[in-house]
């Protein structure tokens, strides 16, 4: 039993080190206030009171498309942050700087080395979503509330990360594209789509 606990603790430590962005340049800053309703993951439509569901489409520079759905009920501020950055073109031309086979593909750092971010951090929103294959979650340093713009896709189940990183969406199509990403591959564009629910 002691060996099993030691192994689990070791794996959690390894995951924290592997998924942490390389630097802490943006730790401690507060996110800019966003006007109500702007960039929100779901919002009321002008007529009929229907909600609008937002999704994302990542077009890779070398070809291929990855479609994402968000979990705004589980991670509203994280989804809002991703959507806002995407709408501003923040992720366009940004690389994937870390690829760990059978584990994760990480990107979203404008510096391309794991040390960059948007100049602010957001609060963790740990939730019931599990680290199954194909989820998208926020990378962060070992410090709490240190996520900014870096995110990762899981290539395989990684349940030892559950409750330690904010899962905010999942790949709905294009997982074969995710699996082929190599270090340095660029996102040509990240576009947000909206549809009435």
C-alpha atoms as a PDB file:
ATOM      1  CA  UNK A   1       0.000   0.000   0.000  1.00  0.00           C
ATOM      2  CA  UNK A   2       2.850   2.411   0.830  1.00  0.00           C
ATOM      3  CA  UNK A   3       4.450   1.686  -2.535  1.00  0.00           C
ATOM      4  CA  UNK A   4       1.198   2.455  -4.352  1.00  0.00           C
ATOM      5  CA  UNK A   5       0.799   5.783  -2.522  1.00  0.00           C
ATOM      6  CA  UNK A   6       4.417   6.652  -3.300  1.00  0.00           C
ATOM      7  CA  UNK A   7       3.893   5.875  -6.998  1.00  0.00           C
ATOM      8  CA  UNK A   8       0.733   8.000  -7.170  1.00  0.00           C
ATOM      9  CA  UNK A   9       2.475  10.885  -5.398  1.00  0.00           C
ATOM     10  CA  UNK A  10       5.436  10.590  -7.756  1.00  0.00           C
ATOM     11  CA  UNK A  11       3.186  10.609 -10.858  1.00  0.00           C
ATOM     12  CA  UNK A  12       1.328  13.677  -9.574  1.00  0.00           C
ATOM     13  CA  UNK A  13       4.651  15.460  -9.044  1.00  0.00           C
ATOM     14  CA  UNK A  14       5.866  14.504 -12.529  1.00  0.00           C
ATOM     15  CA  UNK A  15       2.606  15.759 -14.044  1.00  0.00           C
ATOM     16  CA  UNK A  16       2.913  19.077 -12.220  1.00  0.00           C
ATOM     17  CA  UNK A  17       6.437  19.559 -13.535  1.00  0.00           C
ATOM     18  CA  UNK A  18       5.605  18.417 -17.088  1.00  0.00           C
ATOM     19  CA  UNK A  19       2.493  20.572 -17.461  1.00  0.00           C
ATOM     20  CA  UNK A  20       3.805  23.679 -15.735  1.00  0.00           C
ATOM     21  CA  UNK A  21       4.796  26.441 -18.127  1.00  0.00           C
ATOM     22  CA  UNK A  22       8.541  27.031 -17.940  1.00  0.00           C
ATOM     23  CA  UNK A  23       8.387  30.452 -16.332  1.00  0.00           C
ATOM     24  CA  UNK A  24       6.342  32.425 -13.880  1.00  0.00           C
ATOM     25  CA  UNK A  25       6.505  35.750 -15.689  1.00  0.00           C
ATOM     26  CA  UNK A  26       2.737  36.306 -15.532  1.00  0.00           C
ATOM     27  CA  UNK A  27       2.053  34.998 -12.025  1.00  0.00           C
ATOM     28  CA  UNK A  28       0.387  37.415  -9.652  1.00  0.00           C
ATOM     29  CA  UNK A  29      -1.202  39.792 -12.133  1.00  0.00           C
ATOM     30  CA  UNK A  30      -4.967  40.072 -12.267  1.00  0.00           C
ATOM     31  CA  UNK A  31      -6.974  39.495 -15.443  1.00  0.00           C
ATOM     32  CA  UNK A  32      -8.377  42.596 -17.077  1.00  0.00           C
ATOM     33  CA  UNK A  33     -12.022  43.228 -16.360  1.00  0.00           C
ATOM     34  CA  UNK A  34     -14.166  42.315 -19.326  1.00  0.00           C
ATOM     35  CA  UNK A  35     -17.459  43.994 -20.067  1.00  0.00           C
ATOM     36  CA  UNK A  36     -20.493  41.904 -19.160  1.00  0.00           C
ATOM     37  CA  UNK A  37     -21.487  39.577 -21.960  1.00  0.00           C
ATOM     38  CA  UNK A  38     -18.336  40.106 -24.068  1.00  0.00           C
ATOM     39  CA  UNK A  39     -16.531  36.873 -24.741  1.00  0.00           C
ATOM     40  CA  UNK A  40     -18.803  34.935 -22.393  1.00  0.00           C
ATOM     41  CA  UNK A  41     -19.032  31.212 -23.105  1.00  0.00           C
ATOM     42  CA  UNK A  42     -22.788  31.309 -23.413  1.00  0.00           C
ATOM     43  CA  UNK A  43     -24.997  34.326 -23.614  1.00  0.00           C
ATOM     44  CA  UNK A  44     -28.606  35.277 -24.104  1.00  0.00           C
ATOM     45  CA  UNK A  45     -29.616  35.840 -27.719  1.00  0.00           C
ATOM     46  CA  UNK A  46     -31.285  39.177 -28.413  1.00  0.00           C
ATOM     47  CA  UNK A  47     -34.650  37.549 -29.195  1.00  0.00           C
ATOM     48  CA  UNK A  48     -36.416  34.609 -27.624  1.00  0.00           C
ATOM     49  CA  UNK A  49     -34.069  34.272 -24.656  1.00  0.00           C
ATOM     50  CA  UNK A  50     -32.148  31.366 -26.239  1.00  0.00           C
ATOM     51  CA  UNK A  51     -28.574  30.771 -25.199  1.00  0.00           C
ATOM     52  CA  UNK A  52     -25.728  30.848 -27.676  1.00  0.00           C
ATOM     53  CA  UNK A  53     -23.289  27.952 -27.619  1.00  0.00           C
ATOM     54  CA  UNK A  54     -19.709  28.828 -28.476  1.00  0.00           C
ATOM     55  CA  UNK A  55     -17.252  26.361 -30.005  1.00  0.00           C
ATOM     56  CA  UNK A  56     -13.762  26.741 -31.438  1.00  0.00           C
ATOM     57  CA  UNK A  57     -12.103  25.674 -34.663  1.00  0.00           C
ATOM     58  CA  UNK A  58      -8.307  25.499 -34.724  1.00  0.00           C
ATOM     59  CA  UNK A  59      -6.824  25.478 -38.224  1.00  0.00           C
ATOM     60  CA  UNK A  60      -3.251  24.232 -38.286  1.00  0.00           C
ATOM     61  CA  UNK A  61      -0.689  25.957 -40.530  1.00  0.00           C
ATOM     62  CA  UNK A  62       0.405  22.627 -42.068  1.00  0.00           C
ATOM     63  CA  UNK A  63      -3.187  21.548 -42.652  1.00  0.00           C
ATOM     64  CA  UNK A  64      -5.832  19.930 -40.538  1.00  0.00           C
ATOM     65  CA  UNK A  65      -8.637  21.239 -38.383  1.00  0.00           C
ATOM     66  CA  UNK A  66      -9.409  20.610 -34.709  1.00  0.00           C
ATOM     67  CA  UNK A  67     -12.930  21.360 -33.447  1.00  0.00           C
ATOM     68  CA  UNK A  68     -13.577  21.983 -29.748  1.00  0.00           C
ATOM     69  CA  UNK A  69     -16.623  22.206 -27.567  1.00  0.00           C
ATOM     70  CA  UNK A  70     -16.450  24.020 -24.236  1.00  0.00           C
ATOM     71  CA  UNK A  71     -17.691  23.211 -20.732  1.00  0.00           C
ATOM     72  CA  UNK A  72     -18.939  26.673 -19.629  1.00  0.00           C
ATOM     73  CA  UNK A  73     -20.974  25.204 -16.771  1.00  0.00           C
ATOM     74  CA  UNK A  74     -17.828  23.678 -15.247  1.00  0.00           C
ATOM     75  CA  UNK A  75     -15.236  26.347 -16.060  1.00  0.00           C
ATOM     76  CA  UNK A  76     -16.976  29.613 -17.032  1.00  0.00           C
ATOM     77  CA  UNK A  77     -14.075  32.014 -16.493  1.00  0.00           C
ATOM     78  CA  UNK A  78     -11.580  29.688 -18.182  1.00  0.00           C
ATOM     79  CA  UNK A  79     -13.825  29.320 -21.234  1.00  0.00           C
ATOM     80  CA  UNK A  80     -14.400  33.073 -21.286  1.00  0.00           C
ATOM     81  CA  UNK A  81     -10.633  33.654 -21.152  1.00  0.00           C
ATOM     82  CA  UNK A  82      -9.923  31.242 -24.044  1.00  0.00           C
ATOM     83  CA  UNK A  83     -12.762  32.668 -26.144  1.00  0.00           C
ATOM     84  CA  UNK A  84     -11.643  36.254 -25.516  1.00  0.00           C
ATOM     85  CA  UNK A  85      -8.026  35.493 -26.442  1.00  0.00           C
ATOM     86  CA  UNK A  86      -9.112  33.615 -29.573  1.00  0.00           C
ATOM     87  CA  UNK A  87     -11.394  36.451 -30.703  1.00  0.00           C
ATOM     88  CA  UNK A  88      -8.475  38.870 -30.345  1.00  0.00           C
ATOM     89  CA  UNK A  89      -6.312  36.642 -32.575  1.00  0.00           C
ATOM     90  CA  UNK A  90      -3.964  35.875 -29.680  1.00  0.00           C
ATOM     91  CA  UNK A  91      -3.467  32.216 -30.667  1.00  0.00           C
ATOM     92  CA  UNK A  92      -3.066  32.844 -34.416  1.00  0.00           C
ATOM     93  CA  UNK A  93       0.471  31.844 -35.437  1.00  0.00           C
ATOM     94  CA  UNK A  94       1.331  30.474 -31.978  1.00  0.00           C
ATOM     95  CA  UNK A  95       3.137  27.126 -31.776  1.00  0.00           C
ATOM     96  CA  UNK A  96       2.727  23.946 -29.820  1.00  0.00           C
ATOM     97  CA  UNK A  97       5.921  23.903 -27.766  1.00  0.00           C
ATOM     98  CA  UNK A  98       5.561  20.616 -25.879  1.00  0.00           C
ATOM     99  CA  UNK A  99       4.625  17.156 -27.101  1.00  0.00           C
ATOM    100  CA  UNK A 100       4.733  14.241 -24.668  1.00  0.00           C
ATOM    101  CA  UNK A 101       3.795  11.020 -26.526  1.00  0.00           C
ATOM    102  CA  UNK A 102       0.810   9.189 -25.035  1.00  0.00           C
ATOM    103  CA  UNK A 103       0.321  12.068 -22.600  1.00  0.00           C
ATOM    104  CA  UNK A 104      -0.202  15.688 -23.771  1.00  0.00           C
ATOM    105  CA  UNK A 105       0.305  18.262 -26.532  1.00  0.00           C
ATOM    106  CA  UNK A 106       0.731  21.773 -25.108  1.00  0.00           C
ATOM    107  CA  UNK A 107       0.562  25.186 -26.779  1.00  0.00           C
ATOM    108  CA  UNK A 108      -0.733  28.705 -26.379  1.00  0.00           C
ATOM    109  CA  UNK A 109       2.553  30.382 -25.425  1.00  0.00           C
ATOM    110  CA  UNK A 110       3.362  33.362 -27.680  1.00  0.00           C
ATOM    111  CA  UNK A 111       7.080  32.956 -26.849  1.00  0.00           C
ATOM    112  CA  UNK A 112       6.982  29.321 -27.974  1.00  0.00           C
ATOM    113  CA  UNK A 113       9.099  28.023 -25.109  1.00  0.00           C
ATOM    114  CA  UNK A 114       6.670  27.490 -22.235  1.00  0.00           C
ATOM    115  CA  UNK A 115       7.490  30.734 -20.427  1.00  0.00           C
ATOM    116  CA  UNK A 116       4.993  33.129 -21.993  1.00  0.00           C
ATOM    117  CA  UNK A 117       1.456  34.185 -21.343  1.00  0.00           C
ATOM    118  CA  UNK A 118      -1.022  37.020 -21.819  1.00  0.00           C
ATOM    119  CA  UNK A 119       0.364  39.161 -18.976  1.00  0.00           C
ATOM    120  CA  UNK A 120      -2.215  38.061 -16.411  1.00  0.00           C
ATOM    121  CA  UNK A 121      -3.410  34.892 -14.728  1.00  0.00           C
ATOM    122  CA  UNK A 122      -6.825  33.385 -14.075  1.00  0.00           C
ATOM    123  CA  UNK A 123      -8.222  31.450 -11.144  1.00  0.00           C
ATOM    124  CA  UNK A 124      -8.265  27.672 -11.200  1.00  0.00           C
ATOM    125  CA  UNK A 125     -11.697  26.132 -11.823  1.00  0.00           C
ATOM    126  CA  UNK A 126     -11.156  22.495 -10.925  1.00  0.00           C
ATOM    127  CA  UNK A 127     -14.313  20.569 -11.727  1.00  0.00           C
ATOM    128  CA  UNK A 128     -15.928  17.172 -12.273  1.00  0.00           C
ATOM    129  CA  UNK A 129     -14.542  16.762 -15.808  1.00  0.00           C
ATOM    130  CA  UNK A 130     -11.983  13.983 -16.066  1.00  0.00           C
ATOM    131  CA  UNK A 131      -8.730  13.872 -17.989  1.00  0.00           C
ATOM    132  CA  UNK A 132      -9.870  11.403 -20.624  1.00  0.00           C
ATOM    133  CA  UNK A 133      -8.345  11.263 -24.104  1.00  0.00           C
ATOM    134  CA  UNK A 134      -9.140  14.404 -26.086  1.00  0.00           C
ATOM    135  CA  UNK A 135      -9.902  16.916 -23.354  1.00  0.00           C
ATOM    136  CA  UNK A 136      -8.494  20.443 -23.405  1.00  0.00           C
ATOM    137  CA  UNK A 137      -7.272  21.910 -20.118  1.00  0.00           C
ATOM    138  CA  UNK A 138      -5.254  24.869 -18.886  1.00  0.00           C
ATOM    139  CA  UNK A 139      -1.557  24.458 -18.194  1.00  0.00           C
ATOM    140  CA  UNK A 140      -0.200  26.344 -15.192  1.00  0.00           C
ATOM    141  CA  UNK A 141       2.833  26.576 -12.965  1.00  0.00           C
ATOM    142  CA  UNK A 142       2.925  24.759  -9.637  1.00  0.00           C
ATOM    143  CA  UNK A 143       1.477  27.902  -8.044  1.00  0.00           C
ATOM    144  CA  UNK A 144      -2.308  27.999  -7.696  1.00  0.00           C
ATOM    145  CA  UNK A 145      -4.240  30.310 -10.019  1.00  0.00           C
ATOM    146  CA  UNK A 146      -1.319  30.677 -12.443  1.00  0.00           C
ATOM    147  CA  UNK A 147      -2.924  29.719 -15.778  1.00  0.00           C
ATOM    148  CA  UNK A 148      -3.028  32.338 -18.514  1.00  0.00           C
ATOM    149  CA  UNK A 149      -3.094  31.271 -22.154  1.00  0.00           C
ATOM    150  CA  UNK A 150      -1.295  27.916 -22.329  1.00  0.00           C
ATOM    151  CA  UNK A 151      -3.481  24.857 -22.776  1.00  0.00           C
ATOM    152  CA  UNK A 152      -3.041  21.190 -23.522  1.00  0.00           C
ATOM    153  CA  UNK A 153      -4.817  18.290 -25.180  1.00  0.00           C
ATOM    154  CA  UNK A 154      -4.637  14.853 -23.562  1.00  0.00           C
ATOM    155  CA  UNK A 155      -3.512  12.055 -25.871  1.00  0.00           C
ATOM    156  CA  UNK A 156      -4.527   9.335 -23.400  1.00  0.00           C
ATOM    157  CA  UNK A 157      -6.398   9.176 -20.098  1.00  0.00           C
ATOM    158  CA  UNK A 158      -4.436  10.998 -17.364  1.00  0.00           C
ATOM    159  CA  UNK A 159      -6.679  10.706 -14.318  1.00  0.00           C
ATOM    160  CA  UNK A 160      -3.850  11.579 -11.928  1.00  0.00           C
ATOM    161  CA  UNK A 161      -4.332  15.178 -13.203  1.00  0.00           C
ATOM    162  CA  UNK A 162      -8.030  15.265 -12.243  1.00  0.00           C
ATOM    163  CA  UNK A 163      -8.760  18.031  -9.759  1.00  0.00           C
ATOM    164  CA  UNK A 164      -5.355  19.659 -10.301  1.00  0.00           C
ATOM    165  CA  UNK A 165      -5.835  21.333 -13.686  1.00  0.00           C
ATOM    166  CA  UNK A 166      -8.889  23.045 -15.174  1.00  0.00           C
ATOM    167  CA  UNK A 167     -10.526  20.949 -17.890  1.00  0.00           C
ATOM    168  CA  UNK A 168     -12.611  23.366 -19.973  1.00  0.00           C
ATOM    169  CA  UNK A 169     -13.468  21.517 -23.171  1.00  0.00           C
ATOM    170  CA  UNK A 170     -12.931  18.568 -25.463  1.00  0.00           C
ATOM    171  CA  UNK A 171     -12.012  17.767 -29.039  1.00  0.00           C
ATOM    172  CA  UNK A 172     -15.137  16.920 -31.051  1.00  0.00           C
ATOM    173  CA  UNK A 173     -13.332  16.280 -34.324  1.00  0.00           C
ATOM    174  CA  UNK A 174      -9.745  16.313 -35.505  1.00  0.00           C
ATOM    175  CA  UNK A 175      -8.186  14.140 -32.812  1.00  0.00           C
ATOM    176  CA  UNK A 176      -6.120  12.559 -35.588  1.00  0.00           C
ATOM    177  CA  UNK A 177      -4.704  16.057 -36.236  1.00  0.00           C
ATOM    178  CA  UNK A 178      -3.876  16.519 -32.544  1.00  0.00           C
ATOM    179  CA  UNK A 179      -2.052  13.174 -32.506  1.00  0.00           C
ATOM    180  CA  UNK A 180       0.203  14.287 -35.395  1.00  0.00           C
ATOM    181  CA  UNK A 181       1.255  17.626 -33.850  1.00  0.00           C
ATOM    182  CA  UNK A 182       5.011  18.028 -33.467  1.00  0.00           C
ATOM    183  CA  UNK A 183       6.959  20.583 -31.431  1.00  0.00           C
ATOM    184  CA  UNK A 184       6.955  23.849 -33.387  1.00  0.00           C
ATOM    185  CA  UNK A 185       3.748  23.215 -35.348  1.00  0.00           C
ATOM    186  CA  UNK A 186       1.721  26.426 -35.592  1.00  0.00           C
ATOM    187  CA  UNK A 187      -1.931  27.233 -35.219  1.00  0.00           C
ATOM    188  CA  UNK A 188      -2.824  29.255 -38.319  1.00  0.00           C
ATOM    189  CA  UNK A 189      -6.015  30.488 -36.674  1.00  0.00           C
ATOM    190  CA  UNK A 190      -8.362  29.837 -33.779  1.00  0.00           C
ATOM    191  CA  UNK A 191     -11.909  30.925 -34.577  1.00  0.00           C
ATOM    192  CA  UNK A 192     -14.913  30.979 -32.286  1.00  0.00           C
ATOM    193  CA  UNK A 193     -18.277  29.958 -33.706  1.00  0.00           C
ATOM    194  CA  UNK A 194     -21.650  30.659 -32.148  1.00  0.00           C
ATOM    195  CA  UNK A 195     -24.965  28.892 -32.555  1.00  0.00           C
ATOM    196  CA  UNK A 196     -28.300  29.267 -30.798  1.00  0.00           C
ATOM    197  CA  UNK A 197     -29.150  26.395 -28.485  1.00  0.00           C
END
